[in-house]
């Protein structure tokens, strides 16, 4: 089940219709968040992760039942679309925002969503980090470094920050795939198939 651009545009509109003073997730943040939820070593029920989509208060304040149902269905539809993609390949195409003035790819929202998902199960992720192989550890550390960069808390030099900023959009899918190999061994592994 893949989503059409029309579905994604509608989801984007529905998220934007939420009370903006609560800072609900953008489409890019939601995409990263749901990827993080699905990558988690532990199952996280929608009742726990869904309120975070609506914003800081966890309240969506929908005007009526119809808009509540449509928005929840659209969010769950995107969750299911990512899950369906993962059943085929661990290599996802993140939904990044693009700066309309410079055409620059803005990866920060996606990473912010992904790391927010990680914060729902810190113990599970810490346990994974401790037992993971070097490649998985490096992938997780890279994503955390990007989050620090997005938060303005990076210790890198300006040159290193510029390089990370340029490389991030291409590196993120590879890091996510590496992490998925560790957290979801039941998913298809193209590399493993090549070895046999």
Foldseek 3Di string as FASTA:
>chain_A
DADDVVLLVVLQVLLVPFPCVQPAAGSLLLQLQLLLQVLFLDHDDCVPVVLVNRHDVSDRPDVDPVSVVVNVVSSVVSSVNVVVVQLVALQDQGDFDADPVPRATHNQSSLNSNVVNCVVCVPRVVVLLVPDDPLLVVLVVLSVQSNCLSVVNHPDDPVVSVVCSVCVNVSNSVNSSSSSCSSPVVHDDPVVVVVD
